Amino acid sequence: MEREEVFNKVQEAVADLMNKDVAEITEATTFEELAADSLDLIELISDMEDTFDTTIEDEDLKSITSVGDAVDAILAALNK
């Protein structure tokens, strides 16, 4: 799966979850900027695991601070 395709799905999910316009979400957007709390992140990761039919390892979750980090974690999980 291509990075752009993963990013587009993550971008849409983040925009939906955080009630933001899709155009506001870039790979550099941090979850802190979006005022996302830990429950928001858990919901997002759970949705992404379901969407991509994969599992993101617990140790990888700690490094997810931006949309780009989420894309990286999903791509890494898909390529295992």
N, C-alpha and C. Protein backbone atom coordinates (compact mmCIF):
# COMPACT_ATOMS: atom_id res chain seq x y z
N MET A 1 0.85 -1.17 0.00
CA MET A 1 0.00 0.00 0.00
C MET A 1 0.90 1.24 0.00
N GLU A 2 0.52 2.22 -0.78
CA GLU A 2 1.32 3.44 -0.92
C GLU A 2 1.11 4.37 0.28
N ARG A 3 2.16 5.13 0.60
CA ARG A 3 2.11 6.07 1.72
C ARG A 3 0.96 7.06 1.54
N GLU A 4 0.77 7.57 0.34
CA GLU A 4 -0.28 8.57 0.11
C GLU A 4 -1.66 8.00 0.42
N GLU A 5 -1.89 6.75 0.06
CA GLU A 5 -3.17 6.11 0.33
C GLU A 5 -3.41 5.97 1.84
N VAL A 6 -2.36 5.55 2.55
CA VAL A 6 -2.46 5.44 4.01
C VAL A 6 -2.71 6.81 4.61
N PHE A 7 -1.93 7.81 4.18
CA PHE A 7 -2.10 9.16 4.70
C PHE A 7 -3.53 9.67 4.49
N ASN A 8 -4.07 9.47 3.30
CA ASN A 8 -5.42 9.95 3.01
C ASN A 8 -6.45 9.35 3.97
N LYS A 9 -6.32 8.07 4.27
CA LYS A 9 -7.26 7.42 5.18
C LYS A 9 -7.08 7.92 6.62
N VAL A 10 -5.82 8.09 7.02
CA VAL A 10 -5.54 8.61 8.36
C VAL A 10 -6.04 10.05 8.46
N GLN A 11 -5.76 10.83 7.44
CA GLN A 11 -6.18 12.23 7.40
C GLN A 11 -7.70 12.34 7.58
N GLU A 12 -8.45 11.54 6.84
CA GLU A 12 -9.90 11.55 6.94
C GLU A 12 -10.37 11.13 8.33
N ALA A 13 -9.74 10.10 8.89
CA ALA A 13 -10.13 9.62 10.21
C ALA A 13 -9.85 10.65 11.29
N VAL A 14 -8.69 11.30 11.21
CA VAL A 14 -8.33 12.33 12.19
C VAL A 14 -9.29 13.52 12.07
N ALA A 15 -9.55 13.95 10.85
CA ALA A 15 -10.46 15.08 10.64
C ALA A 15 -11.84 14.76 11.21
N ASP A 16 -12.32 13.55 10.97
CA ASP A 16 -13.63 13.14 11.46
C ASP A 16 -13.65 13.08 12.98
N LEU A 17 -12.65 12.44 13.56
CA LEU A 17 -12.57 12.27 15.01
C LEU A 17 -12.45 13.60 15.73
N MET A 18 -11.67 14.52 15.18
CA MET A 18 -11.39 15.79 15.85
C MET A 18 -12.28 16.94 15.34
N ASN A 19 -13.24 16.62 14.49
CA ASN A 19 -14.15 17.63 13.93
C ASN A 19 -13.38 18.78 13.27
N LYS A 20 -12.44 18.43 12.42
CA LYS A 20 -11.63 19.40 11.67
C LYS A 20 -11.87 19.21 10.19
N ASP A 21 -11.53 20.24 9.42
CA ASP A 21 -11.58 20.14 7.97
C ASP A 21 -10.39 19.29 7.52
N VAL A 22 -10.61 18.40 6.56
CA VAL A 22 -9.55 17.52 6.07
C VAL A 22 -8.34 18.32 5.61
N ALA A 23 -8.57 19.48 5.01
CA ALA A 23 -7.47 20.31 4.50
C ALA A 23 -6.56 20.82 5.61
N GLU A 24 -7.04 20.84 6.85
CA GLU A 24 -6.24 21.30 7.99
C GLU A 24 -5.25 20.25 8.46
N ILE A 25 -5.44 19.01 8.06
CA ILE A 25 -4.63 17.89 8.56
C ILE A 25 -3.52 17.57 7.57
N THR A 26 -2.27 17.72 8.03
CA THR A 26 -1.11 17.36 7.22
C THR A 26 -0.32 16.31 7.99
N GLU A 27 0.72 15.77 7.37
CA GLU A 27 1.56 14.80 8.09
C GLU A 27 2.26 15.45 9.27
N ALA A 28 2.50 16.75 9.19
CA ALA A 28 3.20 17.46 10.27
C ALA A 28 2.28 17.84 11.42
N THR A 29 0.98 17.69 11.24
CA THR A 29 0.03 18.04 12.29
C THR A 29 0.23 17.12 13.49
N THR A 30 0.41 17.73 14.67
CA THR A 30 0.57 16.92 15.87
C THR A 30 -0.78 16.76 16.56
N PHE A 31 -0.88 15.70 17.32
CA PHE A 31 -2.11 15.46 18.06
C PHE A 31 -2.27 16.48 19.18
N GLU A 32 -1.16 17.03 19.65
CA GLU A 32 -1.21 18.10 20.65
C GLU A 32 -1.87 19.34 20.04
N GLU A 33 -1.50 19.68 18.80
CA GLU A 33 -2.12 20.83 18.12
C GLU A 33 -3.63 20.64 17.97
N LEU A 34 -4.05 19.41 17.82
CA LEU A 34 -5.47 19.10 17.65
C LEU A 34 -6.20 18.96 18.98
N ALA A 35 -5.45 19.12 20.08
CA ALA A 35 -6.01 18.97 21.42
C ALA A 35 -6.58 17.57 21.64
N ALA A 36 -5.93 16.57 21.04
CA ALA A 36 -6.35 15.18 21.20
C ALA A 36 -5.85 14.65 22.54
N ASP A 37 -6.72 13.98 23.24
CA ASP A 37 -6.30 13.36 24.50
C ASP A 37 -5.99 11.88 24.25
N SER A 38 -5.59 11.19 25.29
CA SER A 38 -5.17 9.79 25.13
C SER A 38 -6.33 8.92 24.62
N LEU A 39 -7.55 9.21 25.03
CA LEU A 39 -8.69 8.43 24.54
C LEU A 39 -8.92 8.65 23.06
N ASP A 40 -8.71 9.88 22.58
CA ASP A 40 -8.82 10.16 21.15
C ASP A 40 -7.80 9.33 20.38
N LEU A 41 -6.58 9.28 20.89
CA LEU A 41 -5.52 8.53 20.21
C LEU A 41 -5.83 7.04 20.20
N ILE A 42 -6.33 6.52 21.30
CA ILE A 42 -6.68 5.11 21.36
C ILE A 42 -7.78 4.80 20.34
N GLU A 43 -8.79 5.68 20.27
CA GLU A 43 -9.88 5.49 19.32
C GLU A 43 -9.36 5.52 17.88
N LEU A 44 -8.49 6.49 17.60
CA LEU A 44 -7.93 6.61 16.26
C LEU A 44 -7.12 5.37 15.88
N ILE A 45 -6.24 4.93 16.77
CA ILE A 45 -5.40 3.76 16.47
C ILE A 45 -6.27 2.52 16.30
N SER A 46 -7.27 2.37 17.14
CA SER A 46 -8.18 1.23 17.01
C SER A 46 -8.89 1.25 15.66
N ASP A 47 -9.37 2.43 15.26
CA ASP A 47 -10.02 2.56 13.96
C ASP A 47 -9.06 2.23 12.83
N MET A 48 -7.82 2.69 12.94
CA MET A 48 -6.83 2.45 11.89
C MET A 48 -6.45 0.97 11.82
N GLU A 49 -6.35 0.32 12.97
CA GLU A 49 -6.07 -1.12 12.97
C GLU A 49 -7.19 -1.87 12.27
N ASP A 50 -8.43 -1.48 12.52
CA ASP A 50 -9.57 -2.11 11.85
C ASP A 50 -9.57 -1.81 10.36
N THR A 51 -9.34 -0.55 10.00
CA THR A 51 -9.35 -0.14 8.60
C THR A 51 -8.30 -0.88 7.79
N PHE A 52 -7.11 -1.01 8.35
CA PHE A 52 -5.99 -1.62 7.61
C PHE A 52 -5.79 -3.08 7.96
N ASP A 53 -6.65 -3.64 8.84
CA ASP A 53 -6.56 -5.04 9.24
C ASP A 53 -5.15 -5.41 9.68
N THR A 54 -4.65 -4.63 10.64
CA THR A 54 -3.31 -4.85 11.17
C THR A 54 -3.30 -4.50 12.65
N THR A 55 -2.18 -4.72 13.30
CA THR A 55 -2.02 -4.37 14.71
C THR A 55 -0.77 -3.53 14.85
N ILE A 56 -0.89 -2.43 15.55
CA ILE A 56 0.27 -1.58 15.84
C ILE A 56 0.78 -1.98 17.22
N GLU A 57 2.06 -2.29 17.29
CA GLU A 57 2.66 -2.77 18.53
C GLU A 57 2.63 -1.68 19.60
N ASP A 58 2.48 -2.11 20.86
CA ASP A 58 2.39 -1.17 21.98
C ASP A 58 3.60 -0.23 22.05
N GLU A 59 4.79 -0.77 21.78
CA GLU A 59 5.98 0.09 21.86
C GLU A 59 5.98 1.16 20.77
N ASP A 60 5.29 0.91 19.67
CA ASP A 60 5.19 1.90 18.60
C ASP A 60 4.19 3.01 18.94
N LEU A 61 3.24 2.71 19.79
CA LEU A 61 2.21 3.69 20.13
C LEU A 61 2.80 4.92 20.81
N LYS A 62 3.83 4.70 21.63
CA LYS A 62 4.43 5.80 22.38
C LYS A 62 5.09 6.84 21.48
N SER A 63 5.49 6.44 20.28
CA SER A 63 6.19 7.36 19.39
C SER A 63 5.24 8.09 18.44
N ILE A 64 3.96 7.84 18.54
CA ILE A 64 3.00 8.49 17.65
C ILE A 64 2.55 9.82 18.26
N THR A 65 3.13 10.90 17.72
CA THR A 65 2.78 12.24 18.20
C THR A 65 2.20 13.11 17.09
N SER A 66 2.31 12.64 15.86
CA SER A 66 1.80 13.41 14.72
C SER A 66 1.08 12.47 13.75
N VAL A 67 0.41 13.08 12.80
CA VAL A 67 -0.28 12.30 11.77
C VAL A 67 0.74 11.48 10.98
N GLY A 68 1.89 12.09 10.67
CA GLY A 68 2.94 11.38 9.95
C GLY A 68 3.46 10.18 10.73
N ASP A 69 3.56 10.32 12.06
CA ASP A 69 3.98 9.19 12.90
C ASP A 69 2.97 8.05 12.81
N ALA A 70 1.69 8.40 12.77
CA ALA A 70 0.64 7.38 12.66
C ALA A 70 0.75 6.65 11.32
N VAL A 71 1.01 7.41 10.27
CA VAL A 71 1.18 6.81 8.94
C VAL A 71 2.38 5.87 8.95
N ASP A 72 3.49 6.32 9.54
CA ASP A 72 4.69 5.48 9.63
C ASP A 72 4.41 4.18 10.37
N ALA A 73 3.68 4.28 11.50
CA ALA A 73 3.38 3.09 12.31
C ALA A 73 2.50 2.11 11.55
N ILE A 74 1.54 2.63 10.81
CA ILE A 74 0.67 1.76 10.02
C ILE A 74 1.45 1.08 8.91
N LEU A 75 2.28 1.84 8.21
CA LEU A 75 3.09 1.26 7.14
C LEU A 75 4.03 0.18 7.69
N ALA A 76 4.63 0.45 8.84
CA ALA A 76 5.53 -0.54 9.46
C ALA A 76 4.76 -1.80 9.82
N ALA A 77 3.56 -1.64 10.37
CA ALA A 77 2.74 -2.80 10.74
C ALA A 77 2.32 -3.60 9.51
N LEU A 78 2.02 -2.90 8.43
CA LEU A 78 1.60 -3.57 7.20
C LEU A 78 2.75 -4.33 6.55
N ASN A 79 3.96 -3.87 6.76
CA ASN A 79 5.12 -4.50 6.11
C ASN A 79 5.80 -5.57 6.96
N LYS A 80 5.19 -5.94 8.08
CA LYS A 80 5.77 -6.99 8.94
C LYS A 80 5.40 -8.35 8.41
